[in-house]
């Protein structure tokens, strides 16, 4: 398995992270404050310049007030291969 921040799956993960932040009505600056980090850190994570580990992901979800398990269930839907004649959502 390829371990890279440039995989299609990782780009999907990052898109979901950004969408979750935006849906929560939280700016990068606000999220950075909640995580006791910088806006630059948040930006680099969302752009894929810095890989997020599991613990950081859990903190990120907590800072946004979202369930990590619900986030992952939603993400998993985008990872499932499309079946012929069936739409993704």
PDB file of N, CA and C in Angstrom:
ATOM      1  N   UNK A   1       0.840  -1.175   0.000  1.00  0.00           N
ATOM      2  CA  UNK A   1       0.000   0.000   0.000  1.00  0.00           C
ATOM      3  C   UNK A   1       0.888   1.242   0.000  1.00  0.00           C
ATOM      4  N   UNK A   2       0.544   2.150  -0.860  1.00  0.00           N
ATOM      5  CA  UNK A   2       1.307   3.384  -0.987  1.00  0.00           C
ATOM      6  C   UNK A   2       1.050   4.306   0.205  1.00  0.00           C
ATOM      7  N   UNK A   3       2.125   4.806   0.821  1.00  0.00           N
ATOM      8  CA  UNK A   3       2.006   5.747   1.937  1.00  0.00           C
ATOM      9  C   UNK A   3       2.430   7.115   1.432  1.00  0.00           C
ATOM     10  N   UNK A   4       1.464   7.865   0.966  1.00  0.00           N
ATOM     11  CA  UNK A   4       1.780   9.151   0.377  1.00  0.00           C
ATOM     12  C   UNK A   4       0.640  10.123   0.605  1.00  0.00           C
ATOM     13  N   UNK A   5       0.994  11.383   0.661  1.00  0.00           N
ATOM     14  CA  UNK A   5      -0.041  12.406   0.780  1.00  0.00           C
ATOM     15  C   UNK A   5      -0.591  12.766  -0.594  1.00  0.00           C
ATOM     16  N   UNK A   6      -0.072  12.105  -1.627  1.00  0.00           N
ATOM     17  CA  UNK A   6      -0.529  12.437  -2.973  1.00  0.00           C
ATOM     18  C   UNK A   6      -1.511  11.416  -3.541  1.00  0.00           C
ATOM     19  N   UNK A   7      -1.974  10.479  -2.737  1.00  0.00           N
ATOM     20  CA  UNK A   7      -2.934   9.497  -3.243  1.00  0.00           C
ATOM     21  C   UNK A   7      -4.309  10.132  -3.386  1.00  0.00           C
ATOM     22  N   UNK A   8      -5.096   9.539  -4.257  1.00  0.00           N
ATOM     23  CA  UNK A   8      -6.466  10.004  -4.464  1.00  0.00           C
ATOM     24  C   UNK A   8      -7.258   9.925  -3.151  1.00  0.00           C
ATOM     25  N   UNK A   9      -7.063   8.837  -2.415  1.00  0.00           N
ATOM     26  CA  UNK A   9      -7.793   8.650  -1.166  1.00  0.00           C
ATOM     27  C   UNK A   9      -7.440   9.727  -0.134  1.00  0.00           C
ATOM     28  N   UNK A  10      -6.156  10.094  -0.077  1.00  0.00           N
ATOM     29  CA  UNK A  10      -5.764  11.127   0.892  1.00  0.00           C
ATOM     30  C   UNK A  10      -6.337  12.480   0.498  1.00  0.00           C
ATOM     31  N   UNK A  11      -6.405  12.751  -0.801  1.00  0.00           N
ATOM     32  CA  UNK A  11      -7.023  14.012  -1.259  1.00  0.00           C
ATOM     33  C   UNK A  11      -8.509  14.044  -0.888  1.00  0.00           C
ATOM     34  N   UNK A  12      -9.174  12.902  -0.987  1.00  0.00           N
ATOM     35  CA  UNK A  12     -10.588  12.826  -0.586  1.00  0.00           C
ATOM     36  C   UNK A  12     -10.715  13.086   0.911  1.00  0.00           C
ATOM     37  N   UNK A  13      -9.822  12.466   1.700  1.00  0.00           N
ATOM     38  CA  UNK A  13      -9.805  12.682   3.147  1.00  0.00           C
ATOM     39  C   UNK A  13      -9.650  14.172   3.474  1.00  0.00           C
ATOM     40  N   UNK A  14      -8.718  14.833   2.804  1.00  0.00           N
ATOM     41  CA  UNK A  14      -8.483  16.258   3.057  1.00  0.00           C
ATOM     42  C   UNK A  14      -9.690  17.102   2.670  1.00  0.00           C
ATOM     43  N   UNK A  15     -10.336  16.749   1.572  1.00  0.00           N
ATOM     44  CA  UNK A  15     -11.537  17.478   1.165  1.00  0.00           C
ATOM     45  C   UNK A  15     -12.626  17.340   2.223  1.00  0.00           C
ATOM     46  N   UNK A  16     -12.758  16.145   2.788  1.00  0.00           N
ATOM     47  CA  UNK A  16     -13.749  15.933   3.848  1.00  0.00           C
ATOM     48  C   UNK A  16     -13.392  16.739   5.102  1.00  0.00           C
ATOM     49  N   UNK A  17     -12.112  16.813   5.439  1.00  0.00           N
ATOM     50  CA  UNK A  17     -11.698  17.608   6.601  1.00  0.00           C
ATOM     51  C   UNK A  17     -12.067  19.077   6.416  1.00  0.00           C
ATOM     52  N   UNK A  18     -11.735  19.603   5.247  1.00  0.00           N
ATOM     53  CA  UNK A  18     -12.046  21.008   4.972  1.00  0.00           C
ATOM     54  C   UNK A  18     -13.561  21.245   4.991  1.00  0.00           C
ATOM     55  N   UNK A  19     -14.303  20.347   4.356  1.00  0.00           N
ATOM     56  CA  UNK A  19     -15.763  20.472   4.331  1.00  0.00           C
ATOM     57  C   UNK A  19     -16.344  20.415   5.741  1.00  0.00           C
ATOM     58  N   UNK A  20     -15.805  19.559   6.594  1.00  0.00           N
ATOM     59  CA  UNK A  20     -16.283  19.462   7.978  1.00  0.00           C
ATOM     60  C   UNK A  20     -16.017  20.762   8.729  1.00  0.00           C
ATOM     61  N   UNK A  21     -14.840  21.332   8.514  1.00  0.00           N
ATOM     62  CA  UNK A  21     -14.512  22.608   9.168  1.00  0.00           C
ATOM     63  C   UNK A  21     -15.459  23.701   8.700  1.00  0.00           C
ATOM     64  N   UNK A  22     -15.656  23.786   7.403  1.00  0.00           N
ATOM     65  CA  UNK A  22     -16.537  24.811   6.847  1.00  0.00           C
ATOM     66  C   UNK A  22     -17.979  24.607   7.291  1.00  0.00           C
ATOM     67  N   UNK A  23     -18.435  23.355   7.332  1.00  0.00           N
ATOM     68  CA  UNK A  23     -19.808  23.056   7.772  1.00  0.00           C
ATOM     69  C   UNK A  23     -20.015  23.446   9.234  1.00  0.00           C
ATOM     70  N   UNK A  24     -18.951  23.361  10.014  1.00  0.00           N
ATOM     71  CA  UNK A  24     -19.023  23.758  11.426  1.00  0.00           C
ATOM     72  C   UNK A  24     -18.943  25.270  11.581  1.00  0.00           C
ATOM     73  N   UNK A  25     -18.715  25.979  10.480  1.00  0.00           N
ATOM     74  CA  UNK A  25     -18.628  27.440  10.535  1.00  0.00           C
ATOM     75  C   UNK A  25     -17.359  27.927  11.213  1.00  0.00           C
ATOM     76  N   UNK A  26     -16.283  27.162  11.081  1.00  0.00           N
ATOM     77  CA  UNK A  26     -15.032  27.468  11.763  1.00  0.00           C
ATOM     78  C   UNK A  26     -13.982  27.862  10.726  1.00  0.00           C
ATOM     79  N   UNK A  27     -13.303  28.960  10.953  1.00  0.00           N
ATOM     80  CA  UNK A  27     -12.226  29.380  10.063  1.00  0.00           C
ATOM     81  C   UNK A  27     -10.956  28.612  10.406  1.00  0.00           C
ATOM     82  N   UNK A  28      -9.983  28.696   9.519  1.00  0.00           N
ATOM     83  CA  UNK A  28      -8.691  28.087   9.802  1.00  0.00           C
ATOM     84  C   UNK A  28      -8.075  28.703  11.050  1.00  0.00           C
ATOM     85  N   UNK A  29      -8.214  30.002  11.198  1.00  0.00           N
ATOM     86  CA  UNK A  29      -7.654  30.697  12.371  1.00  0.00           C
ATOM     87  C   UNK A  29      -8.324  30.201  13.650  1.00  0.00           C
ATOM     88  N   UNK A  30      -9.643  30.059  13.620  1.00  0.00           N
ATOM     89  CA  UNK A  30     -10.359  29.573  14.804  1.00  0.00           C
ATOM     90  C   UNK A  30      -9.964  28.136  15.141  1.00  0.00           C
ATOM     91  N   UNK A  31      -9.865  27.296  14.119  1.00  0.00           N
ATOM     92  CA  UNK A  31      -9.470  25.907  14.362  1.00  0.00           C
ATOM     93  C   UNK A  31      -8.057  25.850  14.928  1.00  0.00           C
ATOM     94  N   UNK A  32      -7.178  26.654  14.377  1.00  0.00           N
ATOM     95  CA  UNK A  32      -5.807  26.703  14.890  1.00  0.00           C
ATOM     96  C   UNK A  32      -5.795  27.068  16.367  1.00  0.00           C
ATOM     97  N   UNK A  33      -6.600  28.036  16.751  1.00  0.00           N
ATOM     98  CA  UNK A  33      -6.683  28.419  18.161  1.00  0.00           C
ATOM     99  C   UNK A  33      -7.180  27.287  19.032  1.00  0.00           C
ATOM    100  N   UNK A  34      -8.174  26.571  18.545  1.00  0.00           N
ATOM    101  CA  UNK A  34      -8.721  25.448  19.308  1.00  0.00           C
ATOM    102  C   UNK A  34      -7.699  24.319  19.458  1.00  0.00           C
ATOM    103  N   UNK A  35      -6.847  24.168  18.448  1.00  0.00           N
ATOM    104  CA  UNK A  35      -5.829  23.118  18.476  1.00  0.00           C
ATOM    105  C   UNK A  35      -4.513  23.600  19.075  1.00  0.00           C
ATOM    106  N   UNK A  36      -4.486  24.871  19.456  1.00  0.00           N
ATOM    107  CA  UNK A  36      -3.265  25.488  19.998  1.00  0.00           C
ATOM    108  C   UNK A  36      -2.108  25.334  19.008  1.00  0.00           C
ATOM    109  N   UNK A  37      -2.418  25.674  17.767  1.00  0.00           N
ATOM    110  CA  UNK A  37      -1.424  25.624  16.708  1.00  0.00           C
ATOM    111  C   UNK A  37      -1.593  26.877  15.859  1.00  0.00           C
ATOM    112  N   UNK A  38      -1.003  26.894  14.679  1.00  0.00           N
ATOM    113  CA  UNK A  38      -1.061  28.081  13.828  1.00  0.00           C
ATOM    114  C   UNK A  38      -1.996  27.862  12.646  1.00  0.00           C
ATOM    115  N   UNK A  39      -2.431  28.960  12.059  1.00  0.00           N
ATOM    116  CA  UNK A  39      -3.245  28.890  10.849  1.00  0.00           C
ATOM    117  C   UNK A  39      -2.437  28.253   9.728  1.00  0.00           C
ATOM    118  N   UNK A  40      -1.146  28.487   9.719  1.00  0.00           N
ATOM    119  CA  UNK A  40      -0.273  27.898   8.704  1.00  0.00           C
ATOM    120  C   UNK A  40      -0.301  26.375   8.789  1.00  0.00           C
ATOM    121  N   UNK A  41      -0.293  25.840  10.007  1.00  0.00           N
ATOM    122  CA  UNK A  41      -0.382  24.397  10.212  1.00  0.00           C
ATOM    123  C   UNK A  41      -1.674  23.859   9.611  1.00  0.00           C
ATOM    124  N   UNK A  42      -2.798  24.513   9.906  1.00  0.00           N
ATOM    125  CA  UNK A  42      -4.101  24.071   9.394  1.00  0.00           C
ATOM    126  C   UNK A  42      -4.098  24.117   7.869  1.00  0.00           C
ATOM    127  N   UNK A  43      -3.598  25.208   7.315  1.00  0.00           N
ATOM    128  CA  UNK A  43      -3.547  25.365   5.871  1.00  0.00           C
ATOM    129  C   UNK A  43      -2.698  24.282   5.221  1.00  0.00           C
ATOM    130  N   UNK A  44      -1.535  24.008   5.777  1.00  0.00           N
ATOM    131  CA  UNK A  44      -0.662  22.972   5.219  1.00  0.00           C
ATOM    132  C   UNK A  44      -1.321  21.597   5.286  1.00  0.00           C
ATOM    133  N   UNK A  45      -2.028  21.330   6.365  1.00  0.00           N
ATOM    134  CA  UNK A  45      -2.744  20.050   6.482  1.00  0.00           C
ATOM    135  C   UNK A  45      -3.832  19.952   5.425  1.00  0.00           C
ATOM    136  N   UNK A  46      -4.631  20.999   5.291  1.00  0.00           N
ATOM    137  CA  UNK A  46      -5.741  20.967   4.339  1.00  0.00           C
ATOM    138  C   UNK A  46      -5.258  20.905   2.890  1.00  0.00           C
ATOM    139  N   UNK A  47      -4.086  21.459   2.602  1.00  0.00           N
ATOM    140  CA  UNK A  47      -3.531  21.420   1.249  1.00  0.00           C
ATOM    141  C   UNK A  47      -2.749  20.143   0.976  1.00  0.00           C
ATOM    142  N   UNK A  48      -2.517  19.346   2.010  1.00  0.00           N
ATOM    143  CA  UNK A  48      -1.794  18.099   1.830  1.00  0.00           C
ATOM    144  C   UNK A  48      -0.288  18.245   1.889  1.00  0.00           C
ATOM    145  N   UNK A  49       0.189  19.385   2.353  1.00  0.00           N
ATOM    146  CA  UNK A  49       1.629  19.577   2.496  1.00  0.00           C
ATOM    147  C   UNK A  49       2.155  18.921   3.767  1.00  0.00           C
ATOM    148  N   UNK A  50       1.246  18.661   4.693  1.00  0.00           N
ATOM    149  CA  UNK A  50       1.625  18.014   5.945  1.00  0.00           C
ATOM    150  C   UNK A  50       0.612  16.920   6.227  1.00  0.00           C
ATOM    151  N   UNK A  51       1.092  15.720   6.462  1.00  0.00           N
ATOM    152  CA  UNK A  51       0.216  14.571   6.719  1.00  0.00           C
ATOM    153  C   UNK A  51      -0.297  14.625   8.160  1.00  0.00           C
ATOM    154  N   UNK A  52      -1.564  14.301   8.324  1.00  0.00           N
ATOM    155  CA  UNK A  52      -2.194  14.287   9.648  1.00  0.00           C
ATOM    156  C   UNK A  52      -2.172  12.859  10.174  1.00  0.00           C
ATOM    157  N   UNK A  53      -1.694  12.673  11.399  1.00  0.00           N
ATOM    158  CA  UNK A  53      -1.720  11.327  11.977  1.00  0.00           C
ATOM    159  C   UNK A  53      -3.046  11.108  12.704  1.00  0.00           C
ATOM    160  N   UNK A  54      -3.245   9.912  13.194  1.00  0.00           N
ATOM    161  CA  UNK A  54      -4.518   9.534  13.811  1.00  0.00           C
ATOM    162  C   UNK A  54      -4.847  10.405  15.019  1.00  0.00           C
ATOM    163  N   UNK A  55      -3.880  10.644  15.873  1.00  0.00           N
ATOM    164  CA  UNK A  55      -4.134  11.442  17.080  1.00  0.00           C
ATOM    165  C   UNK A  55      -4.501  12.870  16.698  1.00  0.00           C
ATOM    166  N   UNK A  56      -3.788  13.437  15.727  1.00  0.00           N
ATOM    167  CA  UNK A  56      -4.122  14.783  15.257  1.00  0.00           C
ATOM    168  C   UNK A  56      -5.526  14.806  14.676  1.00  0.00           C
ATOM    169  N   UNK A  57      -5.896  13.773  13.930  1.00  0.00           N
ATOM    170  CA  UNK A  57      -7.239  13.678  13.366  1.00  0.00           C
ATOM    171  C   UNK A  57      -8.298  13.679  14.472  1.00  0.00           C
ATOM    172  N   UNK A  58      -8.059  12.921  15.533  1.00  0.00           N
ATOM    173  CA  UNK A  58      -9.022  12.878  16.645  1.00  0.00           C
ATOM    174  C   UNK A  58      -9.150  14.236  17.319  1.00  0.00           C
ATOM    175  N   UNK A  59      -8.032  14.933  17.489  1.00  0.00           N
ATOM    176  CA  UNK A  59      -8.065  16.283  18.070  1.00  0.00           C
ATOM    177  C   UNK A  59      -8.801  17.246  17.137  1.00  0.00           C
ATOM    178  N   UNK A  60      -8.564  17.108  15.854  1.00  0.00           N
ATOM    179  CA  UNK A  60      -9.202  17.955  14.844  1.00  0.00           C
ATOM    180  C   UNK A  60     -10.722  17.793  14.936  1.00  0.00           C
ATOM    181  N   UNK A  61     -11.195  16.538  14.976  1.00  0.00           N
ATOM    182  CA  UNK A  61     -12.636  16.271  15.086  1.00  0.00           C
ATOM    183  C   UNK A  61     -13.207  16.855  16.374  1.00  0.00           C
ATOM    184  N   UNK A  62     -12.513  16.646  17.485  1.00  0.00           N
ATOM    185  CA  UNK A  62     -12.977  17.179  18.768  1.00  0.00           C
ATOM    186  C   UNK A  62     -13.062  18.704  18.720  1.00  0.00           C
ATOM    187  N   UNK A  63     -12.078  19.334  18.097  1.00  0.00           N
ATOM    188  CA  UNK A  63     -12.066  20.800  18.009  1.00  0.00           C
ATOM    189  C   UNK A  63     -13.224  21.323  17.166  1.00  0.00           C
ATOM    190  N   UNK A  64     -13.683  20.503  16.226  1.00  0.00           N
ATOM    191  CA  UNK A  64     -14.817  20.901  15.396  1.00  0.00           C
ATOM    192  C   UNK A  64     -16.154  20.457  15.988  1.00  0.00           C
ATOM    193  N   UNK A  65     -16.102  19.673  17.061  1.00  0.00           N
ATOM    194  CA  UNK A  65     -17.326  19.186  17.684  1.00  0.00           C
ATOM    195  C   UNK A  65     -18.024  18.133  16.852  1.00  0.00           C
ATOM    196  N   UNK A  66     -17.224  17.342  16.123  1.00  0.00           N
ATOM    197  CA  UNK A  66     -17.815  16.279  15.299  1.00  0.00           C
ATOM    198  C   UNK A  66     -17.310  14.919  15.774  1.00  0.00           C
ATOM    199  N   UNK A  67     -18.081  13.909  15.492  1.00  0.00           N
ATOM    200  CA  UNK A  67     -17.723  12.544  15.846  1.00  0.00           C
ATOM    201  C   UNK A  67     -16.730  11.996  14.822  1.00  0.00           C
ATOM    202  N   UNK A  68     -15.617  11.493  15.297  1.00  0.00           N
ATOM    203  CA  UNK A  68     -14.638  10.891  14.392  1.00  0.00           C
ATOM    204  C   UNK A  68     -15.244   9.694  13.674  1.00  0.00           C
ATOM    205  N   UNK A  69     -16.033   8.908  14.371  1.00  0.00           N
ATOM    206  CA  UNK A  69     -16.627   7.726  13.736  1.00  0.00           C
ATOM    207  C   UNK A  69     -17.627   8.125  12.650  1.00  0.00           C
ATOM    208  N   UNK A  70     -18.425   9.157  12.883  1.00  0.00           N
ATOM    209  CA  UNK A  70     -19.362   9.622  11.857  1.00  0.00           C
ATOM    210  C   UNK A  70     -18.605  10.188  10.661  1.00  0.00           C
ATOM    211  N   UNK A  71     -17.534  10.918  10.944  1.00  0.00           N
ATOM    212  CA  UNK A  71     -16.700  11.460   9.874  1.00  0.00           C
ATOM    213  C   UNK A  71     -16.178  10.314   9.003  1.00  0.00           C
ATOM    214  N   UNK A  72     -15.651   9.272   9.646  1.00  0.00           N
ATOM    215  CA  UNK A  72     -15.069   8.153   8.912  1.00  0.00           C
ATOM    216  C   UNK A  72     -16.125   7.363   8.140  1.00  0.00           C
ATOM    217  N   UNK A  73     -17.330   7.236   8.698  1.00  0.00           N
ATOM    218  CA  UNK A  73     -18.395   6.553   7.968  1.00  0.00           C
ATOM    219  C   UNK A  73     -18.729   7.304   6.693  1.00  0.00           C
ATOM    220  N   UNK A  74     -18.798   8.625   6.780  1.00  0.00           N
ATOM    221  CA  UNK A  74     -19.070   9.450   5.612  1.00  0.00           C
ATOM    222  C   UNK A  74     -17.925   9.348   4.609  1.00  0.00           C
ATOM    223  N   UNK A  75     -16.704   9.381   5.084  1.00  0.00           N
ATOM    224  CA  UNK A  75     -15.534   9.259   4.230  1.00  0.00           C
ATOM    225  C   UNK A  75     -15.522   7.907   3.518  1.00  0.00           C
ATOM    226  N   UNK A  76     -15.888   6.880   4.242  1.00  0.00           N
ATOM    227  CA  UNK A  76     -15.883   5.530   3.678  1.00  0.00           C
ATOM    228  C   UNK A  76     -16.803   5.421   2.459  1.00  0.00           C
ATOM    229  N   UNK A  77     -17.882   6.173   2.446  1.00  0.00           N
ATOM    230  CA  UNK A  77     -18.796   6.154   1.311  1.00  0.00           C
ATOM    231  C   UNK A  77     -18.090   6.598   0.035  1.00  0.00           C
ATOM    232  N   UNK A  78     -17.181   7.562   0.145  1.00  0.00           N
ATOM    233  CA  UNK A  78     -16.438   8.030  -1.023  1.00  0.00           C
ATOM    234  C   UNK A  78     -15.329   7.075  -1.429  1.00  0.00           C
ATOM    235  N   UNK A  79     -14.946   6.160  -0.554  1.00  0.00           N
ATOM    236  CA  UNK A  79     -13.890   5.203  -0.866  1.00  0.00           C
ATOM    237  C   UNK A  79     -14.438   3.944  -1.529  1.00  0.00           C
ATOM    238  N   UNK A  80     -15.723   3.691  -1.379  1.00  0.00           N
ATOM    239  CA  UNK A  80     -16.308   2.475  -1.948  1.00  0.00           C
ATOM    240  C   UNK A  80     -16.385   2.621  -3.466  1.00  0.00           C
ATOM    241  N   UNK A  81     -16.010   1.582  -4.170  1.00  0.00           N
ATOM    242  CA  UNK A  81     -16.081   1.657  -5.639  1.00  0.00           C
ATOM    243  C   UNK A  81     -17.518   1.793  -6.106  1.00  0.00           C
ATOM    244  N   UNK A  82     -17.680   2.573  -7.144  1.00  0.00           N
ATOM    245  CA  UNK A  82     -19.019   2.736  -7.712  1.00  0.00           C
ATOM    246  C   UNK A  82     -19.451   1.444  -8.388  1.00  0.00           C
ATOM    247  N   UNK A  83     -20.706   1.107  -8.187  1.00  0.00           N
ATOM    248  CA  UNK A  83     -21.264  -0.077  -8.848  1.00  0.00           C
ATOM    249  C   UNK A  83     -21.987   0.385 -10.094  1.00  0.00           C
ATOM    250  N   UNK A  84     -21.941  -0.424 -11.097  1.00  0.00           N
ATOM    251  CA  UNK A  84     -22.597  -0.068 -12.353  1.00  0.00           C
ATOM    252  C   UNK A  84     -24.082   0.187 -12.121  1.00  0.00           C
ATOM    253  N   UNK A  85     -24.537   1.350 -12.593  1.00  0.00           N
ATOM    254  CA  UNK A  85     -25.944   1.676 -12.488  1.00  0.00           C
ATOM    255  C   UNK A  85     -26.350   2.276 -11.153  1.00  0.00           C
ATOM    256  N   UNK A  86     -25.386   2.433 -10.218  1.00  0.00           N
ATOM    257  CA  UNK A  86     -25.692   2.984  -8.901  1.00  0.00           C
ATOM    258  C   UNK A  86     -24.888   4.264  -8.710  1.00  0.00           C
ATOM    259  N   UNK A  87     -25.544   5.277  -8.206  1.00  0.00           N
ATOM    260  CA  UNK A  87     -24.817   6.500  -7.918  1.00  0.00           C
ATOM    261  C   UNK A  87     -24.148   6.383  -6.565  1.00  0.00           C
ATOM    262  N   UNK A  88     -23.157   7.267  -6.330  1.00  0.00           N
ATOM    263  CA  UNK A  88     -22.386   7.227  -5.081  1.00  0.00           C
ATOM    264  C   UNK A  88     -23.228   7.676  -3.897  1.00  0.00           C
ATOM    265  N   UNK A  89     -24.080   8.655  -4.091  1.00  0.00           N
ATOM    266  CA  UNK A  89     -24.849   9.188  -2.959  1.00  0.00           C
ATOM    267  C   UNK A  89     -26.297   9.297  -3.309  1.00  0.00           C
TER     268      UNK A  89
END
